[in-house]
Amino acid sequence: MGLEIQRGKSRWWYGRVVINGRSLSRNLGVEIKGAIPKHLAKQGDAEFERPRKEALFAFHKFEIELKSRKSAEELIQTIHEIRTGERIQAIPLDECAAKWAELPRRRPLAERYLSSAQRTIARFITFIRANHKGVQAMDQVQVRMARAFVREEDKRGIAAATYNKNLILLRSVFESLRREAGMAENPFTGIPTRDGDSIFRKPFSVEELELIIKAAEADPFIYPLIITGACTAMRKGDCCTLLRSAVDMAAGFISVKTSKTGESIQIPIFPLLRGVLEKALAVPTTRAPFYVFPNLEAHYKINPDHLTDRVKRVIKAAGFFDPDDESDPDGPESRGALSADREHGLRRASLRDFHSFRVTWVTLALTAGVPMEVVKKVTGHRTADIVMKHDFQPGRQEFRRTLATKLPPILGGRNEAPALASAELRERLIAMTAQTWQAIRDELLGRLPGEPKPVIDVVADPGSPKALVLSA
């Protein structure tokens, strides 16, 4: 075993060693140059011999690395034998996904997450099979192989969030099985996650939420899901799998554990939600588990994307759509886009969907001054940082109005707001159109000093300025 040339296949020097009866060949990263002699035992020309010396040095370095790794593995074996009286058995790559899934956990893995994780692991195994045919077990996977795989993932053009999720998963799989597999190191340790363009969901204003709820009334199937999501800030899966035992109508509270974090949450039942729950609970169920919305649970289990599409249809009916999806150039302007392009990623980022109801609830609650601890008790967030980073997304006008009402006048509070002359107010109101009334309304509300503030109620067709009633 030693240096070798793969004639007719590669222009690089290779080094070959035998480990545990298995032959391993490695590209040494040194290019072959000059005239190649008929046999490597013979001397070549000067141009050939110079890179041969570089390759020999790289090969010796490779051998030292292997000996170091083997010593660490033997130490692990020895410690394991002392403790258990048994030798560590290699874990075939094909079995690592199943062994990882069977590990004891505080909470069982969600079916959707498990399915996604298994696809990622299978993709990694396929990559290893295609590029490193001699690798059959987990302990044979090296750092360079792990790095090559994540580079391949990056080339696929996936978003940073997906890249990081896959990297963290594989790092977790190898770390949790490392001792059982007799590995000296985790090949994914030290590979950094990637910064990316974070695109967050947009919250709805109170007026927009009213329009969506009105549009949802035309779809009795999806209406309970939208109301429950908007009133509880629960995720779609938690809404669909809500159990009757979790609903205490007498006390007026929902008490559940979130599927994502396992945190216990308490959610008060207010009138709009109470009406939906009372109607659902009035329908008898005869088969356990007893879900509040059995039809929604069945669809969520079989095809959750169907529910996502139904919710988006309602949001579109309320006037939200991507401008490039509108075929009629003379049609109404969009109230807001549903998605946005990413700098990196295979799919567009979602701006407004079911999760926007959760963002809306958090944003409205915090903007109204609800304490962070109360918000976390409802949403199940473990830290305030996560709430502020992902789900608190106030619009500029809401942000401005909140600060104006809370800050003292010297820092720009409401008492220092410029007076709004009646002539200007009249001019701005007359200028309202079906496309601009919301923007003008927000601007005027942001400039009005003192209390009470005007309230704009939509009492008819929301697309018509005549439908607006301005009351003190």
Protein backbone atom coordinates (compact mmCIF):
# COMPACT_ATOMS: atom_id res chain seq x y z
CA MET A 1 0.00 0.00 0.00
CA GLY A 2 1.21 3.53 -0.74
CA LEU A 3 1.07 6.02 -3.62
CA GLU A 4 -0.87 5.10 -6.75
CA ILE A 5 -1.97 6.57 -10.05
CA GLN A 6 -5.39 5.84 -11.53
CA ARG A 7 -4.30 5.81 -15.17
CA GLY A 8 -6.88 7.04 -17.64
CA LYS A 9 -9.27 8.03 -14.81
CA SER A 10 -7.69 10.83 -12.82
CA ARG A 11 -4.86 13.33 -13.05
CA TRP A 12 -4.34 13.33 -9.28
CA TRP A 13 -2.11 11.30 -6.97
CA TYR A 14 -3.91 8.82 -4.70
CA GLY A 15 -2.84 7.08 -1.50
CA ARG A 16 -4.10 3.60 -0.57
CA VAL A 17 -4.18 2.02 2.91
CA VAL A 18 -5.84 -1.04 4.46
CA ILE A 19 -7.98 -0.52 7.60
CA ASN A 20 -9.61 -3.47 9.38
CA GLY A 21 -9.23 -5.56 6.25
CA ARG A 22 -10.81 -2.88 4.04
CA SER A 23 -8.84 -1.09 1.34
CA LEU A 24 -9.24 2.69 1.36
CA SER A 25 -8.09 5.01 -1.44
CA ARG A 26 -7.86 8.77 -0.99
CA ASN A 27 -7.24 11.63 -3.40
CA LEU A 28 -4.18 13.43 -1.99
CA GLY A 29 -4.90 16.71 -3.77
CA VAL A 30 -1.58 16.74 -5.69
CA GLU A 31 -1.71 16.94 -9.48
CA ILE A 32 0.37 14.53 -11.61
CA LYS A 33 2.80 16.31 -13.92
CA GLY A 34 5.58 15.39 -16.32
CA ALA A 35 6.13 12.08 -18.08
CA ILE A 36 4.71 9.14 -16.11
CA PRO A 37 7.14 6.16 -16.01
CA LYS A 38 5.90 2.71 -16.99
CA HIS A 39 6.18 1.50 -13.41
CA LEU A 40 6.04 3.75 -10.32
CA ALA A 41 9.05 1.92 -8.91
CA LYS A 42 11.11 3.58 -11.64
CA GLN A 43 12.41 7.14 -11.62
CA GLY A 44 10.53 9.72 -13.66
CA ASP A 45 11.69 13.06 -15.00
CA ALA A 46 12.20 16.07 -12.72
CA GLU A 47 8.77 17.51 -13.49
CA PHE A 48 7.18 14.19 -12.47
CA GLU A 49 9.24 13.64 -9.32
CA ARG A 50 8.53 17.03 -7.71
CA PRO A 51 4.77 16.45 -7.29
CA ARG A 52 5.50 12.79 -6.37
CA LYS A 53 7.40 14.07 -3.30
CA GLU A 54 4.49 16.38 -2.42
CA ALA A 55 2.08 13.46 -2.74
CA LEU A 56 4.30 11.26 -0.55
CA PHE A 57 4.32 13.95 2.15
CA ALA A 58 0.50 14.25 1.93
CA PHE A 59 0.21 10.45 2.16
CA HIS A 60 2.33 10.28 5.33
CA LYS A 61 0.17 13.02 6.83
CA PHE A 62 -2.91 10.98 5.93
CA GLU A 63 -1.45 7.89 7.64
CA ILE A 64 -0.74 9.86 10.82
CA GLU A 65 -4.31 11.14 10.79
CA LEU A 66 -5.63 7.59 10.44
CA LYS A 67 -3.45 6.29 13.27
CA SER A 68 -4.64 9.10 15.53
CA ARG A 69 -8.24 8.35 14.67
CA LYS A 70 -7.71 4.63 15.17
CA SER A 71 -6.13 5.22 18.59
CA ALA A 72 -9.10 7.30 19.67
CA GLU A 73 -11.51 4.63 18.46
CA GLU A 74 -9.56 1.91 20.28
CA LEU A 75 -9.72 3.99 23.47
CA ILE A 76 -13.49 4.24 23.09
CA GLN A 77 -13.66 0.49 22.53
CA THR A 78 -11.58 -0.21 25.63
CA ILE A 79 -13.69 2.06 27.85
CA HIS A 80 -16.88 0.52 26.47
CA GLU A 81 -15.61 -3.02 27.12
CA ILE A 82 -14.62 -2.16 30.69
CA ARG A 83 -18.06 -0.72 31.39
CA THR A 84 -20.25 -3.25 29.58
CA GLY A 85 -18.10 -6.31 28.92
CA GLU A 86 -19.01 -6.07 25.22
CA ARG A 87 -17.36 -4.62 22.13
CA ILE A 88 -18.96 -1.79 20.20
CA GLN A 89 -20.66 -2.98 17.02
CA ALA A 90 -20.52 -0.87 13.88
CA ILE A 91 -23.81 0.76 12.84
CA PRO A 92 -24.48 0.33 9.12
CA LEU A 93 -25.38 3.59 7.40
CA ASP A 94 -28.66 2.08 6.24
CA GLU A 95 -29.71 1.56 9.86
CA CYS A 96 -28.76 4.94 11.34
CA ALA A 97 -32.12 6.60 10.57
CA ALA A 98 -34.09 3.83 12.28
CA LYS A 99 -31.76 3.76 15.30
CA TRP A 100 -31.96 7.55 15.65
CA ALA A 101 -35.78 7.46 15.45
CA GLU A 102 -35.91 4.80 18.21
CA LEU A 103 -33.87 6.82 20.72
CA PRO A 104 -35.74 7.66 23.96
CA ARG A 105 -37.08 11.22 24.05
CA ARG A 106 -39.03 13.47 26.36
CA ARG A 107 -41.71 13.73 23.67
CA PRO A 108 -42.27 11.52 20.61
CA LEU A 109 -41.26 13.00 17.26
CA ALA A 110 -44.05 14.47 15.18
CA GLU A 111 -44.83 12.34 12.12
CA ARG A 112 -44.18 15.17 9.66
CA TYR A 113 -40.82 16.03 11.23
CA LEU A 114 -39.80 12.38 11.33
CA SER A 115 -40.71 11.91 7.67
CA SER A 116 -38.73 15.01 6.67
CA ALA A 117 -35.73 13.93 8.77
CA GLN A 118 -35.68 10.47 7.22
CA ARG A 119 -35.64 11.99 3.73
CA THR A 120 -32.64 14.14 4.64
CA ILE A 121 -30.75 11.17 6.12
CA ALA A 122 -31.56 9.08 3.04
CA ARG A 123 -30.22 11.86 0.80
CA PHE A 124 -26.97 11.90 2.79
CA ILE A 125 -26.60 8.11 2.52
CA THR A 126 -27.24 8.27 -1.23
CA PHE A 127 -24.51 10.92 -1.54
CA ILE A 128 -22.04 8.75 0.39
CA ARG A 129 -22.90 5.68 -1.69
CA ALA A 130 -22.33 7.61 -4.93
CA ASN A 131 -19.06 9.27 -3.93
CA HIS A 132 -17.47 6.92 -1.36
CA LYS A 133 -18.39 3.37 -2.32
CA GLY A 134 -16.25 1.77 0.39
CA VAL A 135 -18.10 3.49 3.23
CA GLN A 136 -20.65 1.13 4.73
CA ALA A 137 -20.88 2.14 8.41
CA MET A 138 -21.25 5.34 10.41
CA ASP A 139 -17.75 5.14 11.87
CA GLN A 140 -16.29 5.31 8.36
CA VAL A 141 -17.81 8.72 7.63
CA GLN A 142 -15.09 11.36 7.79
CA VAL A 143 -15.16 15.13 8.23
CA ARG A 144 -14.27 15.76 4.59
CA MET A 145 -17.24 13.62 3.49
CA ALA A 146 -19.62 15.55 5.74
CA ARG A 147 -18.28 18.84 4.40
CA ALA A 148 -18.61 17.64 0.83
CA PHE A 149 -22.26 16.77 1.46
CA VAL A 150 -23.16 20.17 2.92
CA ARG A 151 -21.43 21.83 -0.04
CA GLU A 152 -23.63 19.73 -2.29
CA GLU A 153 -26.67 20.85 -0.31
CA ASP A 154 -25.63 24.46 -0.80
CA LYS A 155 -25.36 23.90 -4.56
CA ARG A 156 -28.99 22.74 -4.64
CA GLY A 157 -29.94 26.35 -3.98
CA ILE A 158 -31.90 25.69 -0.80
CA ALA A 159 -32.69 28.52 1.62
CA ALA A 160 -30.40 29.15 4.57
CA ALA A 161 -33.07 27.95 7.00
CA THR A 162 -33.37 24.61 5.18
CA TYR A 163 -29.59 24.26 4.95
CA ASN A 164 -29.24 24.89 8.68
CA LYS A 165 -32.09 22.54 9.56
CA ASN A 166 -30.50 19.67 7.58
CA LEU A 167 -27.03 20.35 9.03
CA ILE A 168 -28.32 20.44 12.61
CA LEU A 169 -30.29 17.24 12.04
CA LEU A 170 -27.30 15.27 10.73
CA ARG A 171 -25.09 16.66 13.49
CA SER A 172 -27.68 15.46 16.01
CA VAL A 173 -27.99 12.00 14.42
CA PHE A 174 -24.23 11.37 14.52
CA GLU A 175 -23.82 12.87 17.99
CA SER A 176 -26.60 10.80 19.56
CA LEU A 177 -25.28 7.54 17.98
CA ARG A 178 -21.55 8.35 18.14
CA ARG A 179 -20.66 6.23 21.17
CA GLU A 180 -22.81 3.31 20.11
CA ALA A 181 -21.15 3.41 16.67
CA GLY A 182 -17.64 3.62 18.17
CA MET A 183 -16.84 6.97 16.55
CA ALA A 184 -13.99 9.11 17.86
CA GLU A 185 -15.59 12.29 16.53
CA ASN A 186 -18.75 13.64 15.01
CA PRO A 187 -17.95 14.49 11.36
CA PHE A 188 -20.53 17.32 11.35
CA THR A 189 -19.11 19.08 14.44
CA GLY A 190 -17.47 22.35 13.52
CA ILE A 191 -19.36 22.85 10.26
CA PRO A 192 -20.96 26.29 10.69
CA THR A 193 -24.56 27.15 9.97
CA ARG A 194 -25.23 29.70 7.25
CA ASP A 195 -26.50 33.24 7.50
CA GLY A 196 -29.40 33.91 5.21
CA ASP A 197 -32.06 36.36 4.20
CA SER A 198 -34.71 36.07 6.93
CA ILE A 199 -38.17 36.83 5.58
CA PHE A 200 -40.85 36.92 8.27
CA ARG A 201 -44.62 36.59 8.06
CA LYS A 202 -46.56 39.83 7.95
CA PRO A 203 -49.26 40.48 10.57
CA PHE A 204 -52.73 41.66 9.66
CA SER A 205 -54.17 44.91 10.98
CA VAL A 206 -57.44 44.78 12.90
CA GLU A 207 -59.32 45.98 9.82
CA GLU A 208 -57.64 43.37 7.60
CA LEU A 209 -58.44 40.66 10.12
CA GLU A 210 -62.11 41.67 10.04
CA LEU A 211 -62.10 41.38 6.25
CA ILE A 212 -60.52 37.92 6.38
CA ILE A 213 -63.02 36.68 8.97
CA LYS A 214 -65.84 38.02 6.81
CA ALA A 215 -64.43 36.24 3.75
CA ALA A 216 -64.03 33.01 5.76
CA GLU A 217 -67.77 32.88 6.42
CA ALA A 218 -68.20 31.74 2.80
CA ASP A 219 -66.21 28.56 3.59
CA PRO A 220 -67.83 26.78 6.60
CA PHE A 221 -65.18 24.06 6.49
CA ILE A 222 -62.19 26.35 6.99
CA TYR A 223 -63.94 29.04 9.08
CA PRO A 224 -63.42 27.25 12.46
CA LEU A 225 -59.69 26.83 11.72
CA ILE A 226 -59.21 30.53 10.91
CA ILE A 227 -61.16 31.69 13.98
CA THR A 228 -59.30 29.31 16.28
CA GLY A 229 -55.93 30.34 14.87
CA ALA A 230 -56.70 34.05 15.05
CA CYS A 231 -58.09 33.91 18.60
CA THR A 232 -55.53 31.55 20.15
CA ALA A 233 -52.24 32.09 18.26
CA MET A 234 -51.97 28.30 18.07
CA ARG A 235 -50.16 26.67 15.17
CA LYS A 236 -52.19 24.93 12.47
CA GLY A 237 -51.45 21.43 13.73
CA ASP A 238 -52.39 22.30 17.31
CA CYS A 239 -55.68 23.81 16.13
CA CYS A 240 -56.58 20.78 14.03
CA THR A 241 -55.69 18.25 16.76
CA LEU A 242 -57.32 20.15 19.63
CA LEU A 243 -58.95 17.65 21.98
CA ARG A 244 -62.30 18.18 23.63
CA SER A 245 -60.72 17.42 26.99
CA ALA A 246 -58.47 20.47 26.53
CA VAL A 247 -61.45 22.84 26.32
CA ASP A 248 -63.03 24.00 29.59
CA MET A 249 -66.04 26.04 28.51
CA ALA A 250 -67.18 26.63 32.11
CA ALA A 251 -63.87 28.17 33.13
CA GLY A 252 -63.41 29.78 29.73
CA PHE A 253 -59.95 28.39 29.00
CA ILE A 254 -58.10 26.08 26.59
CA SER A 255 -55.21 24.14 28.20
CA VAL A 256 -52.85 22.23 25.90
CA LYS A 257 -49.22 21.32 25.31
CA THR A 258 -47.80 22.66 22.07
CA SER A 259 -46.65 20.02 19.60
CA LYS A 260 -43.48 21.92 18.68
CA THR A 261 -42.04 22.90 22.06
CA GLY A 262 -44.05 20.75 24.48
CA GLU A 263 -44.82 23.84 26.58
CA SER A 264 -48.10 23.99 28.51
CA ILE A 265 -50.21 26.94 27.42
CA GLN A 266 -53.36 28.59 28.76
CA ILE A 267 -55.63 30.45 26.36
CA PRO A 268 -58.76 32.35 27.44
CA ILE A 269 -61.91 31.76 25.41
CA PHE A 270 -63.43 35.04 24.23
CA PRO A 271 -66.84 35.47 22.49
CA LEU A 272 -65.84 34.94 18.84
CA LEU A 273 -63.95 31.74 19.66
CA ARG A 274 -66.62 30.59 22.11
CA GLY A 275 -69.25 30.60 19.37
CA VAL A 276 -67.09 28.38 17.14
CA LEU A 277 -66.26 25.97 19.98
CA GLU A 278 -69.85 25.68 21.19
CA LYS A 279 -71.01 24.77 17.68
CA ALA A 280 -68.24 22.19 17.28
CA LEU A 281 -68.76 20.62 20.72
CA ALA A 282 -72.50 20.31 20.10
CA VAL A 283 -71.77 17.67 17.43
CA PRO A 284 -71.46 14.27 19.19
CA THR A 285 -68.39 12.09 18.60
CA THR A 286 -68.27 8.37 19.19
CA ARG A 287 -64.66 7.44 18.38
CA ALA A 288 -61.54 8.29 20.37
CA PRO A 289 -59.50 10.39 20.34
CA PHE A 290 -62.21 12.99 20.69
CA TYR A 291 -61.17 15.98 18.61
CA VAL A 292 -62.99 19.30 18.65
CA PHE A 293 -62.70 19.51 14.84
CA PRO A 294 -62.50 15.88 13.60
CA ASN A 295 -62.85 16.84 9.93
CA LEU A 296 -59.95 19.29 10.16
CA GLU A 297 -57.83 16.69 11.99
CA ALA A 298 -58.50 14.10 9.28
CA HIS A 299 -57.44 16.49 6.51
CA TYR A 300 -54.39 17.64 8.47
CA LYS A 301 -53.26 14.05 8.94
CA ILE A 302 -53.73 13.07 5.30
CA ASN A 303 -52.90 16.28 3.41
CA PRO A 304 -52.06 19.39 5.47
CA ASP A 305 -51.27 21.32 2.30
CA HIS A 306 -54.97 21.18 1.42
CA LEU A 307 -55.76 23.22 4.54
CA THR A 308 -52.97 25.67 3.70
CA ASP A 309 -54.46 26.19 0.23
CA ARG A 310 -57.98 26.69 1.62
CA VAL A 311 -56.74 29.32 4.08
CA LYS A 312 -54.86 31.14 1.32
CA ARG A 313 -58.01 31.18 -0.80
CA VAL A 314 -59.81 33.01 1.99
CA ILE A 315 -56.93 35.47 2.39
CA LYS A 316 -57.01 36.09 -1.36
CA ALA A 317 -60.77 36.67 -1.20
CA ALA A 318 -60.05 39.38 1.37
CA GLY A 319 -57.91 41.20 -1.18
CA PHE A 320 -54.38 39.85 -0.67
CA PHE A 321 -52.48 38.48 -3.66
CA ASP A 322 -49.12 38.66 -5.36
CA PRO A 323 -49.24 41.55 -7.87
CA ASP A 324 -47.72 39.43 -10.64
CA ASP A 325 -50.55 36.88 -10.21
CA GLU A 326 -53.24 39.40 -11.13
CA SER A 327 -54.23 38.94 -14.78
CA ASP A 328 -56.51 42.01 -14.88
CA PRO A 329 -54.37 45.21 -15.03
CA ASP A 330 -57.46 47.33 -14.29
CA GLY A 331 -58.42 45.26 -11.25
CA PRO A 332 -58.10 46.37 -7.63
CA GLU A 333 -54.66 46.74 -6.09
CA SER A 334 -53.48 44.05 -3.72
CA ARG A 335 -53.74 44.77 0.00
CA GLY A 336 -50.45 42.92 0.37
CA ALA A 337 -48.40 40.18 -1.26
CA LEU A 338 -48.72 36.54 -0.23
CA SER A 339 -45.09 35.63 -0.97
CA ALA A 340 -41.69 37.12 -1.77
CA ASP A 341 -38.59 36.05 -3.66
CA ARG A 342 -35.63 34.80 -1.65
CA GLU A 343 -32.01 35.55 -2.41
CA HIS A 344 -31.40 31.81 -1.98
CA GLY A 345 -34.01 29.07 -1.93
CA LEU A 346 -35.95 26.68 -4.11
CA ARG A 347 -39.32 28.23 -3.23
CA ARG A 348 -40.67 31.71 -2.61
CA ALA A 349 -40.97 32.79 1.01
CA SER A 350 -44.50 32.97 2.43
CA LEU A 351 -45.52 36.40 3.74
CA ARG A 352 -49.18 35.81 4.56
CA ASP A 353 -50.64 32.42 5.39
CA PHE A 354 -52.12 30.62 8.40
CA HIS A 355 -49.05 31.35 10.54
CA SER A 356 -49.74 35.06 10.01
CA PHE A 357 -52.63 34.74 12.49
CA ARG A 358 -50.10 33.78 15.17
CA VAL A 359 -47.88 36.71 14.21
CA THR A 360 -50.93 38.98 14.23
CA TRP A 361 -52.00 37.88 17.72
CA VAL A 362 -48.52 38.40 19.17
CA THR A 363 -48.06 41.76 17.44
CA LEU A 364 -51.45 43.11 18.51
CA ALA A 365 -50.99 41.86 22.08
CA LEU A 366 -47.53 43.33 22.57
CA THR A 367 -48.45 46.58 20.80
CA ALA A 368 -51.44 46.91 23.14
CA GLY A 369 -49.13 46.55 26.15
CA VAL A 370 -49.85 42.93 27.13
CA PRO A 371 -46.87 41.77 29.27
CA MET A 372 -44.37 39.47 27.57
CA GLU A 373 -44.86 36.75 30.21
CA VAL A 374 -48.58 36.65 29.47
CA VAL A 375 -47.91 36.43 25.72
CA LYS A 376 -45.47 33.54 26.28
CA LYS A 377 -48.06 31.76 28.43
CA VAL A 378 -50.47 31.85 25.49
CA THR A 379 -48.07 31.10 22.63
CA GLY A 380 -45.77 28.57 24.35
CA HIS A 381 -42.59 30.41 23.41
CA ARG A 382 -39.71 29.53 25.73
CA THR A 383 -37.82 32.80 25.39
CA ALA A 384 -38.69 36.40 24.73
CA ASP A 385 -35.97 36.50 22.05
CA ILE A 386 -37.90 34.05 19.85
CA VAL A 387 -41.10 36.06 20.28
CA MET A 388 -39.41 39.32 19.31
CA LYS A 389 -37.45 37.86 16.41
CA HIS A 390 -40.13 35.79 14.69
CA ASP A 391 -43.65 36.76 15.76
CA PHE A 392 -43.56 40.43 16.78
CA GLN A 393 -43.72 42.23 13.43
CA PRO A 394 -45.52 45.57 13.82
CA GLY A 395 -46.19 47.67 10.78
CA ARG A 396 -44.73 51.19 10.65
CA GLN A 397 -47.98 52.99 11.46
CA GLU A 398 -48.82 50.66 14.37
CA PHE A 399 -45.25 51.04 15.63
CA ARG A 400 -45.49 54.82 15.37
CA ARG A 401 -48.88 55.05 17.10
CA THR A 402 -47.79 52.81 19.96
CA LEU A 403 -44.66 54.83 20.62
CA ALA A 404 -46.59 58.09 20.30
CA THR A 405 -49.04 57.02 23.02
CA LYS A 406 -46.37 55.64 25.37
CA LEU A 407 -43.45 58.08 25.10
CA PRO A 408 -43.42 61.43 26.96
CA PRO A 409 -43.96 64.53 24.78
CA ILE A 410 -40.31 65.52 24.90
CA LEU A 411 -39.36 62.30 23.07
CA GLY A 412 -42.02 62.67 20.42
CA GLY A 413 -45.16 61.48 22.17
CA ARG A 414 -48.70 62.22 21.08
CA ASN A 415 -48.91 65.64 22.71
CA GLU A 416 -46.22 66.85 20.32
CA ALA A 417 -47.95 65.57 17.18
CA PRO A 418 -48.50 68.31 14.61
CA ALA A 419 -52.02 69.66 14.52
CA LEU A 420 -54.16 68.40 11.67
CA ALA A 421 -56.09 71.27 10.12
CA SER A 422 -59.70 70.61 9.17
CA ALA A 423 -59.03 71.80 5.60
CA GLU A 424 -56.22 69.28 5.20
CA LEU A 425 -58.33 66.55 6.78
CA ARG A 426 -61.15 67.27 4.31
CA GLU A 427 -58.70 67.25 1.40
CA ARG A 428 -57.18 63.93 2.44
CA LEU A 429 -60.59 62.30 2.93
CA ILE A 430 -61.80 63.44 -0.50
CA ALA A 431 -58.61 62.03 -2.03
CA MET A 432 -59.42 58.53 -0.77
CA THR A 433 -59.92 55.84 -3.41
CA ALA A 434 -60.57 52.14 -3.20
CA GLN A 435 -56.83 51.59 -3.50
CA THR A 436 -55.52 54.34 -1.19
CA TRP A 437 -58.03 54.66 1.68
CA GLN A 438 -56.11 52.36 4.03
CA ALA A 439 -52.80 54.18 3.59
CA ILE A 440 -54.45 57.58 4.05
CA ARG A 441 -56.36 56.37 7.09
CA ASP A 442 -53.19 55.08 8.75
CA GLU A 443 -51.38 58.32 8.02
CA LEU A 444 -54.19 60.42 9.54
CA LEU A 445 -54.51 58.24 12.63
CA GLY A 446 -50.77 58.51 13.19
CA ARG A 447 -50.99 62.30 13.16
CA LEU A 448 -54.05 62.83 15.36
CA PRO A 449 -53.10 64.06 18.85
CA GLY A 450 -54.91 63.34 22.08
CA GLU A 451 -57.92 61.15 22.83
CA PRO A 452 -60.33 59.91 21.70
CA LYS A 453 -58.96 58.78 18.34
CA PRO A 454 -61.27 58.45 15.35
CA VAL A 455 -62.42 54.92 14.60
CA ILE A 456 -63.03 53.79 11.04
CA ASP A 457 -65.61 51.04 10.67
CA VAL A 458 -66.12 49.10 7.47
CA VAL A 459 -69.91 48.86 7.15
CA ALA A 460 -70.38 47.95 3.51
CA ASP A 461 -68.28 47.05 0.51
CA PRO A 462 -64.67 47.48 1.77
CA GLY A 463 -63.55 48.41 -1.73
CA SER A 464 -65.67 51.55 -1.77
CA PRO A 465 -64.71 54.77 0.07
CA LYS A 466 -68.41 55.44 0.59
CA ALA A 467 -68.51 52.46 2.90
CA LEU A 468 -66.32 54.20 5.50
CA VAL A 469 -67.95 55.80 8.54
CA LEU A 470 -65.75 58.16 10.58
CA SER A 471 -66.91 58.40 14.19
CA ALA A 472 -65.41 60.01 17.26
